[in-house]
Amino acid sequence: MGRNTETLQRFLALIESGAIEEALRLMDPEVVIHEAESLPYSGDFHGPEGFIRLAETVFGLATLSLSDVRLLEDGDTVISRSKAKFTARATGRVLETEVVELYTFRDARIIEIDAFYKDTHAVVEILRP
């Protein structure tokens, strides 16, 4: 297992445990997170502050848990393939879908995250009140 994979595993575990401030230290100050334009939390989010803004938006709409996380490292990129379970706060509806995220690293810190959902339309529908 490579250094970037270890960093990503630590990052995901910290997020899951609620240790957000510690997780943010694993991000480069210039980190950019990309979300699909069709999602209610679309666009590019810059810096650790952007990550916080994105997380607040997502978790305001739904609870989210990841399972069956598989990681593959190639150079400065780690590919994460996982199952995501969304539970909409407004309706209680549940969606399970696959997500692939590309994490790019610089000096062992996350510099870019690009997320791809198997079915963005289903995500939009589940989050609609």
N, C-alpha and C. Protein backbone atom coordinates (compact mmCIF):
# COMPACT_ATOMS: atom_id res chain seq x y z
N MET A 1 0.86 -1.17 0.00
CA MET A 1 0.00 0.00 0.00
C MET A 1 0.90 1.23 0.00
N GLY A 2 0.56 2.18 -0.87
CA GLY A 2 1.36 3.38 -1.01
C GLY A 2 1.01 4.45 0.02
N ARG A 3 1.88 5.42 0.10
CA ARG A 3 1.73 6.52 1.07
C ARG A 3 0.43 7.30 0.85
N ASN A 4 0.07 7.55 -0.42
CA ASN A 4 -1.15 8.30 -0.69
C ASN A 4 -2.40 7.50 -0.30
N THR A 5 -2.38 6.20 -0.52
CA THR A 5 -3.50 5.36 -0.10
C THR A 5 -3.65 5.39 1.42
N GLU A 6 -2.55 5.32 2.13
CA GLU A 6 -2.59 5.39 3.59
C GLU A 6 -3.17 6.74 4.05
N THR A 7 -2.76 7.81 3.38
CA THR A 7 -3.29 9.13 3.72
C THR A 7 -4.80 9.19 3.47
N LEU A 8 -5.24 8.64 2.35
CA LEU A 8 -6.67 8.66 2.03
C LEU A 8 -7.46 7.82 3.03
N GLN A 9 -6.95 6.66 3.40
CA GLN A 9 -7.64 5.83 4.39
C GLN A 9 -7.78 6.60 5.71
N ARG A 10 -6.73 7.28 6.10
CA ARG A 10 -6.78 8.08 7.33
C ARG A 10 -7.80 9.21 7.19
N PHE A 11 -7.78 9.90 6.05
CA PHE A 11 -8.71 11.00 5.79
C PHE A 11 -10.16 10.52 5.90
N LEU A 12 -10.49 9.42 5.24
CA LEU A 12 -11.85 8.89 5.26
C LEU A 12 -12.26 8.46 6.67
N ALA A 13 -11.34 7.84 7.40
CA ALA A 13 -11.65 7.43 8.78
C ALA A 13 -11.89 8.64 9.67
N LEU A 14 -11.11 9.69 9.49
CA LEU A 14 -11.30 10.91 10.29
C LEU A 14 -12.64 11.57 9.98
N ILE A 15 -13.00 11.62 8.70
CA ILE A 15 -14.29 12.19 8.31
C ILE A 15 -15.42 11.38 8.96
N GLU A 16 -15.33 10.06 8.85
CA GLU A 16 -16.37 9.20 9.40
C GLU A 16 -16.50 9.35 10.91
N SER A 17 -15.39 9.58 11.59
CA SER A 17 -15.42 9.70 13.06
C SER A 17 -15.80 11.11 13.52
N GLY A 18 -15.88 12.06 12.56
CA GLY A 18 -16.24 13.43 12.92
C GLY A 18 -15.06 14.31 13.27
N ALA A 19 -13.84 13.81 13.09
CA ALA A 19 -12.63 14.59 13.39
C ALA A 19 -12.27 15.44 12.17
N ILE A 20 -13.15 16.37 11.84
CA ILE A 20 -13.02 17.15 10.61
C ILE A 20 -11.76 18.01 10.59
N GLU A 21 -11.48 18.69 11.69
CA GLU A 21 -10.30 19.56 11.72
C GLU A 21 -9.02 18.78 11.44
N GLU A 22 -8.91 17.60 12.01
CA GLU A 22 -7.74 16.76 11.76
C GLU A 22 -7.70 16.30 10.31
N ALA A 23 -8.87 15.96 9.76
CA ALA A 23 -8.94 15.54 8.35
C ALA A 23 -8.51 16.67 7.43
N LEU A 24 -8.91 17.89 7.75
CA LEU A 24 -8.56 19.05 6.90
C LEU A 24 -7.05 19.24 6.80
N ARG A 25 -6.31 18.83 7.82
CA ARG A 25 -4.85 18.96 7.78
C ARG A 25 -4.21 18.04 6.74
N LEU A 26 -4.97 17.07 6.25
CA LEU A 26 -4.47 16.16 5.21
C LEU A 26 -4.74 16.71 3.81
N MET A 27 -5.36 17.90 3.74
CA MET A 27 -5.64 18.55 2.47
C MET A 27 -4.66 19.68 2.23
N ASP A 28 -4.28 19.84 0.99
CA ASP A 28 -3.47 20.99 0.59
C ASP A 28 -4.35 22.25 0.71
N PRO A 29 -3.78 23.38 1.11
CA PRO A 29 -4.58 24.61 1.20
C PRO A 29 -5.24 24.99 -0.13
N GLU A 30 -4.70 24.50 -1.25
CA GLU A 30 -5.25 24.83 -2.57
C GLU A 30 -6.15 23.72 -3.13
N VAL A 31 -6.60 22.81 -2.27
CA VAL A 31 -7.44 21.70 -2.72
C VAL A 31 -8.67 22.21 -3.48
N VAL A 32 -9.06 21.45 -4.50
CA VAL A 32 -10.28 21.74 -5.26
C VAL A 32 -11.10 20.45 -5.31
N ILE A 33 -12.39 20.57 -4.99
CA ILE A 33 -13.30 19.44 -5.04
C ILE A 33 -14.31 19.72 -6.15
N HIS A 34 -14.47 18.78 -7.06
CA HIS A 34 -15.38 18.93 -8.21
C HIS A 34 -16.60 18.04 -8.01
N GLU A 35 -17.78 18.64 -8.12
CA GLU A 35 -19.04 17.89 -8.06
C GLU A 35 -19.82 18.14 -9.35
N ALA A 36 -20.54 17.12 -9.80
CA ALA A 36 -21.28 17.18 -11.07
C ALA A 36 -22.27 18.34 -11.09
N GLU A 37 -22.39 18.97 -12.24
CA GLU A 37 -23.25 20.15 -12.40
C GLU A 37 -24.73 19.88 -12.13
N SER A 38 -25.17 18.65 -12.30
CA SER A 38 -26.60 18.36 -12.12
C SER A 38 -26.99 18.19 -10.65
N LEU A 39 -26.03 18.08 -9.76
CA LEU A 39 -26.34 17.84 -8.35
C LEU A 39 -26.74 19.13 -7.64
N PRO A 40 -27.51 19.03 -6.55
CA PRO A 40 -27.90 20.23 -5.81
C PRO A 40 -26.73 20.87 -5.07
N TYR A 41 -25.60 20.21 -5.06
CA TYR A 41 -24.37 20.76 -4.48
C TYR A 41 -23.27 20.75 -5.55
N SER A 42 -23.61 21.27 -6.71
CA SER A 42 -22.72 21.22 -7.87
C SER A 42 -21.62 22.26 -7.80
N GLY A 43 -20.61 22.04 -8.63
CA GLY A 43 -19.58 23.04 -8.82
C GLY A 43 -18.24 22.65 -8.24
N ASP A 44 -17.36 23.62 -8.20
CA ASP A 44 -16.01 23.45 -7.66
C ASP A 44 -15.93 24.14 -6.31
N PHE A 45 -15.33 23.46 -5.36
CA PHE A 45 -15.18 23.97 -4.00
C PHE A 45 -13.69 24.08 -3.72
N HIS A 46 -13.27 25.27 -3.31
CA HIS A 46 -11.84 25.57 -3.18
C HIS A 46 -11.41 25.66 -1.72
N GLY A 47 -10.27 25.03 -1.45
CA GLY A 47 -9.67 25.10 -0.13
C GLY A 47 -10.43 24.27 0.89
N PRO A 48 -9.82 24.09 2.06
CA PRO A 48 -10.50 23.37 3.13
C PRO A 48 -11.85 24.02 3.49
N GLU A 49 -11.95 25.35 3.34
CA GLU A 49 -13.21 26.03 3.62
C GLU A 49 -14.28 25.59 2.62
N GLY A 50 -13.89 25.39 1.38
CA GLY A 50 -14.82 24.89 0.36
C GLY A 50 -15.28 23.48 0.69
N PHE A 51 -14.36 22.66 1.20
CA PHE A 51 -14.73 21.30 1.59
C PHE A 51 -15.77 21.35 2.71
N ILE A 52 -15.56 22.23 3.68
CA ILE A 52 -16.52 22.37 4.79
C ILE A 52 -17.87 22.82 4.25
N ARG A 53 -17.88 23.79 3.36
CA ARG A 53 -19.13 24.29 2.77
C ARG A 53 -19.86 23.17 2.03
N LEU A 54 -19.13 22.38 1.26
CA LEU A 54 -19.70 21.24 0.55
C LEU A 54 -20.28 20.24 1.54
N ALA A 55 -19.52 19.87 2.55
CA ALA A 55 -19.98 18.89 3.54
C ALA A 55 -21.24 19.39 4.25
N GLU A 56 -21.27 20.66 4.62
CA GLU A 56 -22.45 21.21 5.29
C GLU A 56 -23.68 21.13 4.38
N THR A 57 -23.48 21.39 3.10
CA THR A 57 -24.60 21.32 2.15
C THR A 57 -25.09 19.89 1.99
N VAL A 58 -24.17 18.96 1.75
CA VAL A 58 -24.54 17.56 1.55
C VAL A 58 -25.23 17.02 2.80
N PHE A 59 -24.60 17.23 3.97
CA PHE A 59 -25.16 16.65 5.19
C PHE A 59 -26.39 17.40 5.68
N GLY A 60 -26.63 18.58 5.13
CA GLY A 60 -27.90 19.26 5.38
C GLY A 60 -29.04 18.61 4.61
N LEU A 61 -28.72 17.99 3.49
CA LEU A 61 -29.71 17.34 2.64
C LEU A 61 -29.92 15.86 2.98
N ALA A 62 -28.86 15.20 3.44
CA ALA A 62 -28.94 13.75 3.64
C ALA A 62 -27.87 13.27 4.59
N THR A 63 -28.12 12.10 5.17
CA THR A 63 -27.01 11.40 5.80
C THR A 63 -26.34 10.61 4.68
N LEU A 64 -25.08 10.36 4.83
CA LEU A 64 -24.32 9.67 3.79
C LEU A 64 -23.34 8.74 4.46
N SER A 65 -23.33 7.50 4.01
CA SER A 65 -22.33 6.56 4.50
C SER A 65 -21.74 5.81 3.32
N LEU A 66 -20.48 5.47 3.46
CA LEU A 66 -19.77 4.72 2.43
C LEU A 66 -19.48 3.32 2.94
N SER A 67 -19.54 2.35 2.02
CA SER A 67 -19.17 0.98 2.37
C SER A 67 -18.45 0.36 1.18
N ASP A 68 -17.87 -0.79 1.43
CA ASP A 68 -17.17 -1.54 0.38
C ASP A 68 -16.19 -0.64 -0.38
N VAL A 69 -15.41 0.14 0.37
CA VAL A 69 -14.45 1.08 -0.23
C VAL A 69 -13.25 0.30 -0.74
N ARG A 70 -12.95 0.53 -2.02
CA ARG A 70 -11.78 -0.10 -2.64
C ARG A 70 -10.88 1.01 -3.18
N LEU A 71 -9.59 0.89 -2.92
CA LEU A 71 -8.65 1.93 -3.31
C LEU A 71 -7.58 1.36 -4.22
N LEU A 72 -7.23 2.15 -5.23
CA LEU A 72 -6.18 1.77 -6.17
C LEU A 72 -5.29 2.99 -6.37
N GLU A 73 -4.01 2.83 -6.13
CA GLU A 73 -3.07 3.95 -6.24
C GLU A 73 -2.22 3.81 -7.50
N ASP A 74 -2.05 4.93 -8.19
CA ASP A 74 -1.18 5.01 -9.35
C ASP A 74 -0.49 6.36 -9.31
N GLY A 75 0.74 6.38 -8.91
CA GLY A 75 1.48 7.65 -8.83
C GLY A 75 0.86 8.59 -7.83
N ASP A 76 0.49 9.78 -8.30
CA ASP A 76 -0.07 10.79 -7.39
C ASP A 76 -1.59 10.73 -7.32
N THR A 77 -2.19 9.66 -7.87
CA THR A 77 -3.65 9.52 -7.88
C THR A 77 -4.07 8.25 -7.15
N VAL A 78 -5.13 8.40 -6.33
CA VAL A 78 -5.77 7.23 -5.71
C VAL A 78 -7.22 7.23 -6.17
N ILE A 79 -7.64 6.10 -6.72
CA ILE A 79 -9.02 5.92 -7.16
C ILE A 79 -9.77 5.19 -6.06
N SER A 80 -10.89 5.78 -5.66
CA SER A 80 -11.75 5.18 -4.65
C SER A 80 -13.05 4.76 -5.31
N ARG A 81 -13.39 3.48 -5.15
CA ARG A 81 -14.68 2.97 -5.64
C ARG A 81 -15.43 2.47 -4.42
N SER A 82 -16.64 2.97 -4.23
CA SER A 82 -17.38 2.59 -3.02
C SER A 82 -18.88 2.60 -3.29
N LYS A 83 -19.61 2.07 -2.33
CA LYS A 83 -21.06 2.14 -2.34
C LYS A 83 -21.44 3.27 -1.39
N ALA A 84 -22.29 4.16 -1.87
CA ALA A 84 -22.76 5.28 -1.06
C ALA A 84 -24.22 5.07 -0.74
N LYS A 85 -24.57 5.31 0.50
CA LYS A 85 -25.97 5.23 0.93
C LYS A 85 -26.40 6.61 1.38
N PHE A 86 -27.33 7.19 0.62
CA PHE A 86 -27.92 8.49 0.94
C PHE A 86 -29.27 8.24 1.61
N THR A 87 -29.54 8.94 2.70
CA THR A 87 -30.87 8.96 3.31
C THR A 87 -31.29 10.42 3.38
N ALA A 88 -32.29 10.78 2.57
CA ALA A 88 -32.72 12.17 2.48
C ALA A 88 -33.33 12.62 3.81
N ARG A 89 -32.89 13.76 4.31
CA ARG A 89 -33.41 14.29 5.57
C ARG A 89 -34.87 14.72 5.44
N ALA A 90 -35.25 15.29 4.29
CA ALA A 90 -36.61 15.82 4.12
C ALA A 90 -37.66 14.72 4.00
N THR A 91 -37.29 13.58 3.40
CA THR A 91 -38.30 12.56 3.10
C THR A 91 -38.01 11.19 3.71
N GLY A 92 -36.78 10.96 4.10
CA GLY A 92 -36.40 9.64 4.61
C GLY A 92 -36.13 8.62 3.52
N ARG A 93 -36.27 9.03 2.26
CA ARG A 93 -36.00 8.10 1.15
C ARG A 93 -34.51 7.72 1.15
N VAL A 94 -34.26 6.50 0.69
CA VAL A 94 -32.90 5.95 0.70
C VAL A 94 -32.47 5.60 -0.71
N LEU A 95 -31.21 5.88 -1.01
CA LEU A 95 -30.61 5.50 -2.29
C LEU A 95 -29.25 4.90 -2.01
N GLU A 96 -29.00 3.75 -2.62
CA GLU A 96 -27.67 3.16 -2.61
C GLU A 96 -27.16 3.19 -4.04
N THR A 97 -25.97 3.74 -4.22
CA THR A 97 -25.39 3.86 -5.55
C THR A 97 -23.88 3.73 -5.45
N GLU A 98 -23.25 3.50 -6.57
CA GLU A 98 -21.79 3.44 -6.59
C GLU A 98 -21.21 4.81 -6.89
N VAL A 99 -20.06 5.06 -6.28
CA VAL A 99 -19.35 6.33 -6.47
C VAL A 99 -17.88 6.02 -6.74
N VAL A 100 -17.33 6.71 -7.71
CA VAL A 100 -15.90 6.65 -7.97
C VAL A 100 -15.36 8.05 -7.74
N GLU A 101 -14.30 8.15 -6.95
CA GLU A 101 -13.67 9.44 -6.69
C GLU A 101 -12.19 9.34 -7.03
N LEU A 102 -11.70 10.36 -7.70
CA LEU A 102 -10.29 10.46 -8.03
C LEU A 102 -9.66 11.46 -7.08
N TYR A 103 -8.72 11.00 -6.29
CA TYR A 103 -8.00 11.86 -5.35
C TYR A 103 -6.60 12.07 -5.90
N THR A 104 -6.22 13.31 -6.07
CA THR A 104 -4.87 13.64 -6.52
C THR A 104 -4.11 14.21 -5.34
N PHE A 105 -2.85 13.80 -5.22
CA PHE A 105 -2.02 14.20 -4.09
C PHE A 105 -0.82 15.03 -4.54
N ARG A 106 -0.42 15.92 -3.67
CA ARG A 106 0.83 16.67 -3.84
C ARG A 106 1.49 16.70 -2.47
N ASP A 107 2.71 16.20 -2.40
CA ASP A 107 3.45 16.16 -1.13
C ASP A 107 2.65 15.48 -0.03
N ALA A 108 2.01 14.35 -0.38
CA ALA A 108 1.25 13.52 0.56
C ALA A 108 0.02 14.21 1.13
N ARG A 109 -0.48 15.24 0.45
CA ARG A 109 -1.72 15.91 0.86
C ARG A 109 -2.66 15.96 -0.33
N ILE A 110 -3.96 15.90 -0.05
CA ILE A 110 -4.97 15.90 -1.10
C ILE A 110 -5.03 17.28 -1.74
N ILE A 111 -4.84 17.34 -3.07
CA ILE A 111 -4.87 18.61 -3.80
C ILE A 111 -6.12 18.71 -4.68
N GLU A 112 -6.73 17.55 -5.02
CA GLU A 112 -7.92 17.57 -5.87
C GLU A 112 -8.76 16.32 -5.61
N ILE A 113 -10.09 16.52 -5.62
CA ILE A 113 -11.05 15.41 -5.51
C ILE A 113 -12.06 15.60 -6.64
N ASP A 114 -12.26 14.57 -7.42
CA ASP A 114 -13.23 14.61 -8.51
C ASP A 114 -14.16 13.42 -8.32
N ALA A 115 -15.46 13.69 -8.08
CA ALA A 115 -16.44 12.65 -7.75
C ALA A 115 -17.33 12.32 -8.94
N PHE A 116 -17.59 11.02 -9.13
CA PHE A 116 -18.44 10.52 -10.21
C PHE A 116 -19.44 9.54 -9.62
N TYR A 117 -20.72 9.86 -9.74
CA TYR A 117 -21.79 9.00 -9.23
C TYR A 117 -22.32 8.13 -10.36
N LYS A 118 -22.65 6.89 -10.07
CA LYS A 118 -23.19 5.97 -11.07
C LYS A 118 -24.46 6.54 -11.70
N ASP A 119 -25.31 7.19 -10.86
CA ASP A 119 -26.57 7.72 -11.35
C ASP A 119 -26.86 9.06 -10.68
N THR A 120 -26.37 10.14 -11.27
CA THR A 120 -26.59 11.47 -10.67
C THR A 120 -28.07 11.83 -10.65
N HIS A 121 -28.82 11.36 -11.65
CA HIS A 121 -30.26 11.63 -11.68
C HIS A 121 -30.94 11.05 -10.43
N ALA A 122 -30.57 9.84 -10.04
CA ALA A 122 -31.15 9.22 -8.85
C ALA A 122 -30.78 10.00 -7.59
N VAL A 123 -29.56 10.52 -7.53
CA VAL A 123 -29.14 11.34 -6.38
C VAL A 123 -30.01 12.60 -6.31
N VAL A 124 -30.19 13.25 -7.44
CA VAL A 124 -31.01 14.47 -7.48
C VAL A 124 -32.44 14.15 -7.02
N GLU A 125 -33.01 13.06 -7.52
CA GLU A 125 -34.38 12.68 -7.18
C GLU A 125 -34.54 12.37 -5.69
N ILE A 126 -33.59 11.66 -5.13
CA ILE A 126 -33.70 11.29 -3.72
C ILE A 126 -33.61 12.50 -2.81
N LEU A 127 -32.88 13.53 -3.23
CA LEU A 127 -32.69 14.72 -2.40
C LEU A 127 -33.78 15.78 -2.61
N ARG A 128 -34.63 15.55 -3.60
CA ARG A 128 -35.74 16.48 -3.87
C ARG A 128 -36.80 16.33 -2.79
N PRO A 129 -37.21 17.45 -2.15
CA PRO A 129 -38.24 17.35 -1.09
C PRO A 129 -39.60 16.93 -1.61
